[in-house]
């Protein structure tokens, strides 16, 4: 399995596991379930994308 698909699959599994908690957290902050869902998607996916590019170590 290539690196992209592997990262995408892991990202989906992680998203499925964390989405309820993240949505609840954002709902308490924002007061709207629709806004909470949007916030989860807008913050989660960019972080997963960046995580799949991470190679470890310090960036210089």
PDB file of N, CA and C in Angstrom:
ATOM      1  N   UNK A   1       0.861  -1.174   0.000  1.00  0.00           N
ATOM      2  CA  UNK A   1       0.000   0.000   0.000  1.00  0.00           C
ATOM      3  C   UNK A   1       0.907   1.237   0.000  1.00  0.00           C
ATOM      4  N   UNK A   2       0.590   2.179  -0.887  1.00  0.00           N
ATOM      5  CA  UNK A   2       1.479   3.338  -0.945  1.00  0.00           C
ATOM      6  C   UNK A   2       1.274   4.251   0.256  1.00  0.00           C
ATOM      7  N   UNK A   3       2.211   5.173   0.425  1.00  0.00           N
ATOM      8  CA  UNK A   3       2.235   6.030   1.613  1.00  0.00           C
ATOM      9  C   UNK A   3       0.980   6.889   1.744  1.00  0.00           C
ATOM     10  N   UNK A   4       0.493   7.416   0.613  1.00  0.00           N
ATOM     11  CA  UNK A   4      -0.697   8.266   0.652  1.00  0.00           C
ATOM     12  C   UNK A   4      -1.903   7.480   1.151  1.00  0.00           C
ATOM     13  N   UNK A   5      -2.148   6.310   0.554  1.00  0.00           N
ATOM     14  CA  UNK A   5      -3.310   5.512   0.968  1.00  0.00           C
ATOM     15  C   UNK A   5      -3.207   5.060   2.408  1.00  0.00           C
ATOM     16  N   UNK A   6      -2.011   4.699   2.824  1.00  0.00           N
ATOM     17  CA  UNK A   6      -1.802   4.275   4.199  1.00  0.00           C
ATOM     18  C   UNK A   6      -2.118   5.431   5.159  1.00  0.00           C
ATOM     19  N   UNK A   7      -1.610   6.611   4.855  1.00  0.00           N
ATOM     20  CA  UNK A   7      -1.890   7.784   5.669  1.00  0.00           C
ATOM     21  C   UNK A   7      -3.358   8.148   5.662  1.00  0.00           C
ATOM     22  N   UNK A   8      -4.002   8.038   4.502  1.00  0.00           N
ATOM     23  CA  UNK A   8      -5.422   8.359   4.381  1.00  0.00           C
ATOM     24  C   UNK A   8      -6.262   7.383   5.201  1.00  0.00           C
ATOM     25  N   UNK A   9      -5.941   6.108   5.124  1.00  0.00           N
ATOM     26  CA  UNK A   9      -6.673   5.089   5.876  1.00  0.00           C
ATOM     27  C   UNK A   9      -6.518   5.306   7.381  1.00  0.00           C
ATOM     28  N   UNK A  10      -5.300   5.574   7.821  1.00  0.00           N
ATOM     29  CA  UNK A  10      -5.069   5.842   9.239  1.00  0.00           C
ATOM     30  C   UNK A  10      -5.797   7.105   9.678  1.00  0.00           C
ATOM     31  N   UNK A  11      -5.809   8.115   8.809  1.00  0.00           N
ATOM     32  CA  UNK A  11      -6.510   9.357   9.110  1.00  0.00           C
ATOM     33  C   UNK A  11      -8.002   9.131   9.284  1.00  0.00           C
ATOM     34  N   UNK A  12      -8.593   8.320   8.419  1.00  0.00           N
ATOM     35  CA  UNK A  12     -10.023   8.010   8.529  1.00  0.00           C
ATOM     36  C   UNK A  12     -10.333   7.260   9.826  1.00  0.00           C
ATOM     37  N   UNK A  13      -9.487   6.312  10.170  1.00  0.00           N
ATOM     38  CA  UNK A  13      -9.695   5.570  11.414  1.00  0.00           C
ATOM     39  C   UNK A  13      -9.587   6.483  12.616  1.00  0.00           C
ATOM     40  N   UNK A  14      -8.602   7.354  12.608  1.00  0.00           N
ATOM     41  CA  UNK A  14      -8.419   8.301  13.696  1.00  0.00           C
ATOM     42  C   UNK A  14      -9.597   9.264  13.772  1.00  0.00           C
ATOM     43  N   UNK A  15     -10.038   9.761  12.617  1.00  0.00           N
ATOM     44  CA  UNK A  15     -11.171  10.688  12.561  1.00  0.00           C
ATOM     45  C   UNK A  15     -12.435  10.031  13.127  1.00  0.00           C
ATOM     46  N   UNK A  16     -12.711   8.801  12.713  1.00  0.00           N
ATOM     47  CA  UNK A  16     -13.900   8.095  13.201  1.00  0.00           C
ATOM     48  C   UNK A  16     -13.866   7.928  14.713  1.00  0.00           C
ATOM     49  N   UNK A  17     -12.697   7.690  15.255  1.00  0.00           N
ATOM     50  CA  UNK A  17     -12.579   7.497  16.694  1.00  0.00           C
ATOM     51  C   UNK A  17     -12.684   8.784  17.502  1.00  0.00           C
ATOM     52  N   UNK A  18     -12.218   9.876  16.929  1.00  0.00           N
ATOM     53  CA  UNK A  18     -12.168  11.142  17.670  1.00  0.00           C
ATOM     54  C   UNK A  18     -13.323  12.090  17.378  1.00  0.00           C
ATOM     55  N   UNK A  19     -14.022  11.895  16.275  1.00  0.00           N
ATOM     56  CA  UNK A  19     -15.055  12.855  15.858  1.00  0.00           C
ATOM     57  C   UNK A  19     -16.109  13.127  16.926  1.00  0.00           C
ATOM     58  N   UNK A  20     -16.664  12.114  17.601  1.00  0.00           N
ATOM     59  CA  UNK A  20     -17.674  12.419  18.616  1.00  0.00           C
ATOM     60  C   UNK A  20     -17.164  13.328  19.735  1.00  0.00           C
ATOM     61  N   UNK A  21     -15.968  13.046  20.223  1.00  0.00           N
ATOM     62  CA  UNK A  21     -15.410  13.876  21.303  1.00  0.00           C
ATOM     63  C   UNK A  21     -15.085  15.286  20.821  1.00  0.00           C
ATOM     64  N   UNK A  22     -14.505  15.381  19.638  1.00  0.00           N
ATOM     65  CA  UNK A  22     -14.170  16.697  19.099  1.00  0.00           C
ATOM     66  C   UNK A  22     -15.427  17.521  18.821  1.00  0.00           C
ATOM     67  N   UNK A  23     -16.447  16.874  18.277  1.00  0.00           N
ATOM     68  CA  UNK A  23     -17.701  17.573  18.002  1.00  0.00           C
ATOM     69  C   UNK A  23     -18.324  18.072  19.298  1.00  0.00           C
ATOM     70  N   UNK A  24     -18.313  17.255  20.321  1.00  0.00           N
ATOM     71  CA  UNK A  24     -18.855  17.654  21.622  1.00  0.00           C
ATOM     72  C   UNK A  24     -18.084  18.843  22.188  1.00  0.00           C
ATOM     73  N   UNK A  25     -16.772  18.795  22.078  1.00  0.00           N
ATOM     74  CA  UNK A  25     -15.932  19.880  22.560  1.00  0.00           C
ATOM     75  C   UNK A  25     -16.272  21.183  21.843  1.00  0.00           C
ATOM     76  N   UNK A  26     -16.313  21.140  20.511  1.00  0.00           N
ATOM     77  CA  UNK A  26     -16.628  22.346  19.739  1.00  0.00           C
ATOM     78  C   UNK A  26     -18.063  22.809  19.966  1.00  0.00           C
ATOM     79  N   UNK A  27     -18.980  21.878  20.155  1.00  0.00           N
ATOM     80  CA  UNK A  27     -20.377  22.249  20.422  1.00  0.00           C
ATOM     81  C   UNK A  27     -20.480  23.069  21.712  1.00  0.00           C
ATOM     82  N   UNK A  28     -19.753  22.639  22.731  1.00  0.00           N
ATOM     83  CA  UNK A  28     -19.780  23.390  23.990  1.00  0.00           C
ATOM     84  C   UNK A  28     -19.190  24.788  23.816  1.00  0.00           C
ATOM     85  N   UNK A  29     -18.214  24.917  22.941  1.00  0.00           N
ATOM     86  CA  UNK A  29     -17.610  26.232  22.704  1.00  0.00           C
ATOM     87  C   UNK A  29     -18.473  27.113  21.802  1.00  0.00           C
ATOM     88  N   UNK A  30     -19.076  26.502  20.773  1.00  0.00           N
ATOM     89  CA  UNK A  30     -19.747  27.284  19.742  1.00  0.00           C
ATOM     90  C   UNK A  30     -21.266  27.358  19.900  1.00  0.00           C
ATOM     91  N   UNK A  31     -21.863  26.367  20.578  1.00  0.00           N
ATOM     92  CA  UNK A  31     -23.301  26.380  20.813  1.00  0.00           C
ATOM     93  C   UNK A  31     -24.162  25.953  19.635  1.00  0.00           C
ATOM     94  N   UNK A  32     -23.555  25.447  18.571  1.00  0.00           N
ATOM     95  CA  UNK A  32     -24.295  25.001  17.393  1.00  0.00           C
ATOM     96  C   UNK A  32     -23.675  23.708  16.886  1.00  0.00           C
ATOM     97  N   UNK A  33     -24.505  22.693  16.675  1.00  0.00           N
ATOM     98  CA  UNK A  33     -23.982  21.407  16.206  1.00  0.00           C
ATOM     99  C   UNK A  33     -23.431  21.532  14.784  1.00  0.00           C
ATOM    100  N   UNK A  34     -24.072  22.338  13.951  1.00  0.00           N
ATOM    101  CA  UNK A  34     -23.574  22.528  12.586  1.00  0.00           C
ATOM    102  C   UNK A  34     -22.216  23.220  12.582  1.00  0.00           C
ATOM    103  N   UNK A  35     -22.074  24.261  13.396  1.00  0.00           N
ATOM    104  CA  UNK A  35     -20.783  24.945  13.505  1.00  0.00           C
ATOM    105  C   UNK A  35     -19.721  24.022  14.083  1.00  0.00           C
ATOM    106  N   UNK A  36     -20.119  23.173  15.032  1.00  0.00           N
ATOM    107  CA  UNK A  36     -19.180  22.225  15.635  1.00  0.00           C
ATOM    108  C   UNK A  36     -18.676  21.229  14.596  1.00  0.00           C
ATOM    109  N   UNK A  37     -19.590  20.688  13.780  1.00  0.00           N
ATOM    110  CA  UNK A  37     -19.185  19.759  12.716  1.00  0.00           C
ATOM    111  C   UNK A  37     -18.228  20.420  11.734  1.00  0.00           C
ATOM    112  N   UNK A  38     -18.549  21.662  11.360  1.00  0.00           N
ATOM    113  CA  UNK A  38     -17.672  22.398  10.446  1.00  0.00           C
ATOM    114  C   UNK A  38     -16.290  22.606  11.056  1.00  0.00           C
ATOM    115  N   UNK A  39     -16.255  22.986  12.316  1.00  0.00           N
ATOM    116  CA  UNK A  39     -14.977  23.244  12.991  1.00  0.00           C
ATOM    117  C   UNK A  39     -14.127  21.983  13.070  1.00  0.00           C
ATOM    118  N   UNK A  40     -14.762  20.849  13.346  1.00  0.00           N
ATOM    119  CA  UNK A  40     -14.017  19.584  13.414  1.00  0.00           C
ATOM    120  C   UNK A  40     -13.380  19.286  12.062  1.00  0.00           C
ATOM    121  N   UNK A  41     -14.153  19.405  11.008  1.00  0.00           N
ATOM    122  CA  UNK A  41     -13.616  19.095   9.684  1.00  0.00           C
ATOM    123  C   UNK A  41     -12.551  20.096   9.254  1.00  0.00           C
ATOM    124  N   UNK A  42     -12.745  21.364   9.562  1.00  0.00           N
ATOM    125  CA  UNK A  42     -11.791  22.387   9.146  1.00  0.00           C
ATOM    126  C   UNK A  42     -10.463  22.294   9.888  1.00  0.00           C
ATOM    127  N   UNK A  43     -10.463  21.750  11.086  1.00  0.00           N
ATOM    128  CA  UNK A  43      -9.214  21.654  11.846  1.00  0.00           C
ATOM    129  C   UNK A  43      -8.591  20.268  11.798  1.00  0.00           C
ATOM    130  N   UNK A  44      -9.400  19.239  11.700  1.00  0.00           N
ATOM    131  CA  UNK A  44      -8.875  17.875  11.755  1.00  0.00           C
ATOM    132  C   UNK A  44      -8.124  17.493  10.484  1.00  0.00           C
ATOM    133  N   UNK A  45      -8.732  17.686   9.337  1.00  0.00           N
ATOM    134  CA  UNK A  45      -8.128  17.208   8.093  1.00  0.00           C
ATOM    135  C   UNK A  45      -6.806  17.883   7.752  1.00  0.00           C
ATOM    136  N   UNK A  46      -6.664  19.200   7.932  1.00  0.00           N
ATOM    137  CA  UNK A  46      -5.330  19.777   7.682  1.00  0.00           C
ATOM    138  C   UNK A  46      -4.255  19.208   8.608  1.00  0.00           C
ATOM    139  N   UNK A  47      -4.618  18.929   9.844  1.00  0.00           N
ATOM    140  CA  UNK A  47      -3.612  18.381  10.755  1.00  0.00           C
ATOM    141  C   UNK A  47      -3.220  16.956  10.359  1.00  0.00           C
ATOM    142  N   UNK A  48      -4.172  16.170   9.870  1.00  0.00           N
ATOM    143  CA  UNK A  48      -3.857  14.811   9.400  1.00  0.00           C
ATOM    144  C   UNK A  48      -2.972  14.889   8.161  1.00  0.00           C
ATOM    145  N   UNK A  49      -3.283  15.810   7.274  1.00  0.00           N
ATOM    146  CA  UNK A  49      -2.469  15.975   6.066  1.00  0.00           C
ATOM    147  C   UNK A  49      -1.025  16.313   6.448  1.00  0.00           C
ATOM    148  N   UNK A  50      -0.861  17.231   7.385  1.00  0.00           N
ATOM    149  CA  UNK A  50       0.485  17.599   7.831  1.00  0.00           C
ATOM    150  C   UNK A  50       1.177  16.439   8.536  1.00  0.00           C
ATOM    151  N   UNK A  51       0.421  15.661   9.289  1.00  0.00           N
ATOM    152  CA  UNK A  51       0.996  14.539  10.020  1.00  0.00           C
ATOM    153  C   UNK A  51       1.557  13.493   9.058  1.00  0.00           C
ATOM    154  N   UNK A  52       0.903  13.269   7.916  1.00  0.00           N
ATOM    155  CA  UNK A  52       1.380  12.254   6.979  1.00  0.00           C
ATOM    156  C   UNK A  52       2.684  12.678   6.307  1.00  0.00           C
ATOM    157  N   UNK A  53       2.990  13.991   6.319  1.00  0.00           N
ATOM    158  CA  UNK A  53       4.245  14.479   5.731  1.00  0.00           C
ATOM    159  C   UNK A  53       5.384  14.513   6.739  1.00  0.00           C
ATOM    160  N   UNK A  54       5.068  14.352   8.020  1.00  0.00           N
ATOM    161  CA  UNK A  54       6.075  14.447   9.063  1.00  0.00           C
ATOM    162  C   UNK A  54       7.027  13.262   9.019  1.00  0.00           C
ATOM    163  N   UNK A  55       8.305  13.552   9.065  1.00  0.00           N
ATOM    164  CA  UNK A  55       9.322  12.496   8.996  1.00  0.00           C
ATOM    165  C   UNK A  55      10.066  12.317  10.312  1.00  0.00           C
ATOM    166  N   UNK A  56       9.783  13.152  11.296  1.00  0.00           N
ATOM    167  CA  UNK A  56      10.491  13.067  12.569  1.00  0.00           C
ATOM    168  C   UNK A  56      11.698  13.975  12.584  1.00  0.00           C
ATOM    169  N   UNK A  57      12.186  14.223  13.781  1.00  0.00           N
ATOM    170  CA  UNK A  57      13.360  15.064  13.904  1.00  0.00           C
ATOM    171  C   UNK A  57      13.031  16.544  13.895  1.00  0.00           C
ATOM    172  N   UNK A  58      14.054  17.336  13.989  1.00  0.00           N
ATOM    173  CA  UNK A  58      13.906  18.792  13.986  1.00  0.00           C
ATOM    174  C   UNK A  58      13.959  19.329  12.569  1.00  0.00           C
ATOM    175  N   UNK A  59      13.137  20.322  12.325  1.00  0.00           N
ATOM    176  CA  UNK A  59      13.195  21.002  11.033  1.00  0.00           C
ATOM    177  C   UNK A  59      14.131  22.184  11.147  1.00  0.00           C
ATOM    178  N   UNK A  60      15.012  22.311  10.197  1.00  0.00           N
ATOM    179  CA  UNK A  60      15.961  23.424  10.206  1.00  0.00           C
ATOM    180  C   UNK A  60      15.952  24.125   8.893  1.00  0.00           C
TER     181      UNK A  60
END
